[in-house]
Every structure is written in C-alpha cells, then in structure tokens.
Amino acid sequence: MELVERIEMNPERLNGKPVIRGTRITVELILKKMAEGAEITDLLESYPHLEKADIQAVLNYAARTHADEEFVRPTGT
C-alpha cells in the first residue's frame, strides 16, 4: 500500500480534514505533536493502533501537499 493511501478525507467527517485511514486522528494533530518534539516512538505509544507507516504517510502527505506551492517572503525579512 502506498503511504498516501493511508490518508483519507471525507467531507462528512471532521469537516473533510485529512485523517489517518480508519481513525479520527488528523494529519494536523500528528504534525503538531511532531513539531512540539514528539518522536515516532512517542506517537506509537500514545496511539497503539497506529503503525509506523501511518506516521510516514502523514509526513509524505504533508510534503506532497506543499511541494507545488509558491511561498512569498514577507516584506522586511
């Protein structure tokens, strides 16, 4: 299974936010926890029904989502 296939969006669940397939755990939640310093092992302990491939799928999804975006540097920086 390709990593991105582990991510789903359903407009009838959580307002269509991307989640790990079969859960209500959002991509956003996992990314926030990792930004706060959580390691993959921490996440797997906190959410024992997840697999390492689910966390990798979140990162892959985030990378693909931003791959083609243009970023504008704020003025004054």
C-alpha atoms as a PDB file:
ATOM      1  CA  MET A   1       0.000   0.000   0.000  1.00  0.00           C
ATOM      2  CA  GLU A   2       1.385   3.384  -0.960  1.00  0.00           C
ATOM      3  CA  LEU A   3       1.886   5.637   2.051  1.00  0.00           C
ATOM      4  CA  VAL A   4      -0.514   8.323   0.857  1.00  0.00           C
ATOM      5  CA  GLU A   5      -3.273   5.692   0.580  1.00  0.00           C
ATOM      6  CA  ARG A   6      -3.255   5.637   4.387  1.00  0.00           C
ATOM      7  CA  ILE A   7      -4.643   9.184   4.423  1.00  0.00           C
ATOM      8  CA  GLU A   8      -8.297   9.863   3.704  1.00  0.00           C
ATOM      9  CA  MET A   9     -10.593  12.855   3.520  1.00  0.00           C
ATOM     10  CA  ASN A  10     -14.331  12.587   3.952  1.00  0.00           C
ATOM     11  CA  PRO A  11     -16.382  15.801   3.864  1.00  0.00           C
ATOM     12  CA  GLU A  12     -18.807  14.220   6.331  1.00  0.00           C
ATOM     13  CA  ARG A  13     -16.116  13.555   8.956  1.00  0.00           C
ATOM     14  CA  LEU A  14     -14.176  16.273  10.755  1.00  0.00           C
ATOM     15  CA  ASN A  15     -15.147  18.798   8.066  1.00  0.00           C
ATOM     16  CA  GLY A  16     -13.113  16.914   5.485  1.00  0.00           C
ATOM     17  CA  LYS A  17      -9.788  17.260   7.281  1.00  0.00           C
ATOM     18  CA  PRO A  18      -7.243  14.636   6.211  1.00  0.00           C
ATOM     19  CA  VAL A  19      -7.071  11.794   8.727  1.00  0.00           C
ATOM     20  CA  ILE A  20      -5.223   8.521   9.063  1.00  0.00           C
ATOM     21  CA  ARG A  21      -7.475   5.983   7.354  1.00  0.00           C
ATOM     22  CA  GLY A  22      -9.929   4.295   9.704  1.00  0.00           C
ATOM     23  CA  THR A  23      -9.290   6.760  12.546  1.00  0.00           C
ATOM     24  CA  ARG A  24     -10.264  10.257  13.613  1.00  0.00           C
ATOM     25  CA  ILE A  25      -6.585  11.166  14.048  1.00  0.00           C
ATOM     26  CA  THR A  26      -5.881  14.141  11.820  1.00  0.00           C
ATOM     27  CA  VAL A  27      -2.737  14.798   9.833  1.00  0.00           C
ATOM     28  CA  GLU A  28      -2.689  18.167  11.584  1.00  0.00           C
ATOM     29  CA  LEU A  29      -2.596  16.565  15.055  1.00  0.00           C
ATOM     30  CA  ILE A  30       0.340  14.322  14.194  1.00  0.00           C
ATOM     31  CA  LEU A  31       2.258  17.199  12.595  1.00  0.00           C
ATOM     32  CA  LYS A  32       1.621  19.449  15.612  1.00  0.00           C
ATOM     33  CA  LYS A  33       2.818  16.765  18.016  1.00  0.00           C
ATOM     34  CA  MET A  34       5.968  16.229  15.960  1.00  0.00           C
ATOM     35  CA  ALA A  35       6.559  19.994  15.784  1.00  0.00           C
ATOM     36  CA  GLU A  36       6.336  20.018  19.587  1.00  0.00           C
ATOM     37  CA  GLY A  37       9.103  17.405  19.705  1.00  0.00           C
ATOM     38  CA  ALA A  38       7.247  14.088  19.742  1.00  0.00           C
ATOM     39  CA  GLU A  39       9.186  11.218  18.197  1.00  0.00           C
ATOM     40  CA  ILE A  40       7.582   8.473  16.106  1.00  0.00           C
ATOM     41  CA  THR A  41       8.020   6.080  19.039  1.00  0.00           C
ATOM     42  CA  ASP A  42       6.154   8.528  21.307  1.00  0.00           C
ATOM     43  CA  LEU A  43       3.252   8.670  18.880  1.00  0.00           C
ATOM     44  CA  LEU A  44       3.110   4.901  18.527  1.00  0.00           C
ATOM     45  CA  GLU A  45       2.985   4.562  22.312  1.00  0.00           C
ATOM     46  CA  SER A  46       0.247   7.189  22.599  1.00  0.00           C
ATOM     47  CA  TYR A  47      -1.772   5.718  19.730  1.00  0.00           C
ATOM     48  CA  PRO A  48      -1.035   1.972  19.807  1.00  0.00           C
ATOM     49  CA  HIS A  49      -3.411   1.214  16.919  1.00  0.00           C
ATOM     50  CA  LEU A  50      -1.200   3.261  14.566  1.00  0.00           C
ATOM     51  CA  GLU A  51       1.712   1.836  12.635  1.00  0.00           C
ATOM     52  CA  LYS A  52       4.993   3.492  11.745  1.00  0.00           C
ATOM     53  CA  ALA A  53       3.798   3.566   8.123  1.00  0.00           C
ATOM     54  CA  ASP A  54       0.842   5.738   9.213  1.00  0.00           C
ATOM     55  CA  ILE A  55       3.200   8.366  10.635  1.00  0.00           C
ATOM     56  CA  GLN A  56       5.353   8.173   7.498  1.00  0.00           C
ATOM     57  CA  ALA A  57       2.190   8.654   5.432  1.00  0.00           C
ATOM     58  CA  VAL A  58       1.383  11.830   7.364  1.00  0.00           C
ATOM     59  CA  LEU A  59       4.829  13.234   6.601  1.00  0.00           C
ATOM     60  CA  ASN A  60       4.610  12.134   2.969  1.00  0.00           C
ATOM     61  CA  TYR A  61       1.156  13.705   2.646  1.00  0.00           C
ATOM     62  CA  ALA A  62       2.374  16.991   4.141  1.00  0.00           C
ATOM     63  CA  ALA A  63       5.393  17.063   1.833  1.00  0.00           C
ATOM     64  CA  ARG A  64       3.289  16.363  -1.257  1.00  0.00           C
ATOM     65  CA  THR A  65       0.695  18.926  -0.236  1.00  0.00           C
ATOM     66  CA  HIS A  66       3.316  21.675  -0.101  1.00  0.00           C
ATOM     67  CA  ALA A  67       5.518  20.520  -2.960  1.00  0.00           C
ATOM     68  CA  ASP A  68       3.979  22.725  -5.633  1.00  0.00           C
ATOM     69  CA  GLU A  69       3.075  25.727  -3.522  1.00  0.00           C
ATOM     70  CA  GLU A  70       4.677  29.093  -4.052  1.00  0.00           C
ATOM     71  CA  PHE A  71       5.898  30.831  -0.957  1.00  0.00           C
ATOM     72  CA  VAL A  72       6.173  34.582  -0.767  1.00  0.00           C
ATOM     73  CA  ARG A  73       8.753  36.045   1.568  1.00  0.00           C
ATOM     74  CA  PRO A  74       7.146  38.517   3.987  1.00  0.00           C
ATOM     75  CA  THR A  75       8.362  42.078   3.485  1.00  0.00           C
ATOM     76  CA  GLY A  76      11.034  43.218   5.879  1.00  0.00           C
ATOM     77  CA  THR A  77      12.765  39.839   6.200  1.00  0.00           C
END
